Amino acid sequence: MSDTTKNCWTCDYQDNLGQDTFLGRCKYFITLGKPIKDIPPDTVDKGCKCWKMGAGIATNNADYEKEERIALVADGCNLTQKKAEILVEKMKAK
């Protein structure tokens, strides 16, 4: 089980640098081609289904870490999810 709490405070999409709001703004909407939105007070502590582990957040959940590696490979190499999974498995086998 992971020690990481999946809320907006630990999410990679949270942007609280240079903003007027203490709760920050959610960058997830950029991935949908929409503008960044302020994080509502009733969401910040519980998070949402789009949560992505933020940089520097430690976890001991091997399955989640594998999923995160796959997502990073998919993003960095412009691959589909399935192709990224295959690539991560091949890298692991070496």
Protein backbone atom coordinates (compact mmCIF):
# COMPACT_ATOMS: atom_id res chain seq x y z
CA MET A 1 0.00 0.00 0.00
CA SER A 2 1.25 3.47 -0.81
CA ASP A 3 2.11 6.07 1.80
CA THR A 4 1.20 8.80 -0.68
CA THR A 5 -2.08 10.63 -0.16
CA LYS A 6 -3.75 11.32 -3.48
CA ASN A 7 -4.86 14.91 -2.93
CA CYS A 8 -4.12 18.17 -4.75
CA TRP A 9 -1.21 18.96 -2.41
CA THR A 10 0.73 15.93 -3.70
CA CYS A 11 -0.44 16.15 -7.33
CA ASP A 12 1.90 17.01 -10.18
CA TYR A 13 -0.85 19.07 -11.83
CA GLN A 14 -1.08 21.53 -8.92
CA ASP A 15 0.45 24.90 -9.72
CA ASN A 16 0.73 27.19 -6.71
CA LEU A 17 3.72 29.28 -7.74
CA GLY A 18 3.01 32.96 -8.24
CA GLN A 19 -0.74 32.58 -7.89
CA ASP A 20 -3.25 34.67 -6.00
CA THR A 21 -4.85 31.61 -4.44
CA PHE A 22 -3.31 29.58 -1.61
CA LEU A 23 -4.94 26.38 -2.90
CA GLY A 24 -3.26 26.70 -6.29
CA ARG A 25 -4.52 26.01 -9.74
CA CYS A 26 -4.93 22.74 -11.63
CA LYS A 27 -2.80 22.30 -14.76
CA TYR A 28 -4.60 19.09 -15.80
CA PHE A 29 -6.97 21.10 -17.94
CA ILE A 30 -4.09 22.12 -20.21
CA THR A 31 -3.91 18.48 -21.33
CA LEU A 32 -7.49 18.90 -22.55
CA GLY A 33 -6.71 22.13 -24.38
CA LYS A 34 -8.51 24.21 -21.75
CA PRO A 35 -7.23 27.00 -19.47
CA ILE A 36 -5.87 26.28 -15.99
CA LYS A 37 -8.58 26.35 -13.28
CA ASP A 38 -8.46 27.36 -9.62
CA ILE A 39 -8.63 24.35 -7.28
CA PRO A 40 -11.89 24.48 -5.28
CA PRO A 41 -11.61 24.35 -1.47
CA ASP A 42 -13.81 21.23 -1.33
CA THR A 43 -11.43 19.35 -3.69
CA VAL A 44 -7.93 20.32 -2.53
CA ASP A 45 -7.73 17.88 0.40
CA LYS A 46 -9.40 14.91 -1.28
CA GLY A 47 -8.09 15.23 -4.85
CA CYS A 48 -9.74 13.92 -7.99
CA LYS A 49 -9.55 11.04 -10.48
CA CYS A 50 -6.90 12.87 -12.55
CA TRP A 51 -4.30 12.80 -9.73
CA LYS A 52 -0.71 12.29 -10.86
CA MET A 53 2.17 11.79 -8.42
CA GLY A 54 4.07 15.03 -8.05
CA ALA A 55 7.83 15.28 -8.41
CA GLY A 56 9.58 14.39 -5.17
CA ILE A 57 6.60 12.52 -3.71
CA ALA A 58 7.86 9.21 -2.30
CA THR A 59 5.86 5.99 -2.53
CA ASN A 60 6.59 2.39 -1.70
CA ASN A 61 3.93 0.99 -4.03
CA ALA A 62 5.77 -0.92 -6.77
CA ASP A 63 2.70 -1.15 -9.01
CA TYR A 64 2.10 2.58 -8.85
CA GLU A 65 5.77 3.27 -9.55
CA LYS A 66 5.57 1.04 -12.63
CA GLU A 67 2.49 2.92 -13.85
CA GLU A 68 4.29 6.21 -13.29
CA ARG A 69 7.31 4.99 -15.31
CA ILE A 70 4.99 3.94 -18.14
CA ALA A 71 3.29 7.34 -18.11
CA LEU A 72 6.66 9.14 -18.18
CA VAL A 73 7.87 7.00 -21.08
CA ALA A 74 4.61 7.58 -22.97
CA ASP A 75 4.83 11.35 -22.44
CA GLY A 76 8.55 11.68 -23.12
CA CYS A 77 8.60 9.46 -26.20
CA ASN A 78 5.20 10.45 -27.58
CA LEU A 79 3.99 6.82 -27.42
CA THR A 80 0.61 5.26 -26.82
CA GLN A 81 0.00 3.74 -23.39
CA LYS A 82 0.30 0.19 -24.78
CA LYS A 83 3.59 0.87 -26.61
CA ALA A 84 5.01 2.51 -23.48
CA GLU A 85 4.04 -0.58 -21.42
CA ILE A 86 5.88 -2.83 -23.89
CA LEU A 87 8.95 -0.59 -23.83
CA VAL A 88 9.07 -0.48 -20.01
CA GLU A 89 8.80 -4.29 -19.87
CA LYS A 90 11.64 -4.65 -22.39
CA MET A 91 13.79 -2.21 -20.41
CA LYS A 92 13.07 -4.16 -17.21
CA ALA A 93 14.10 -7.46 -18.85
CA LYS A 94 17.59 -6.14 -19.72
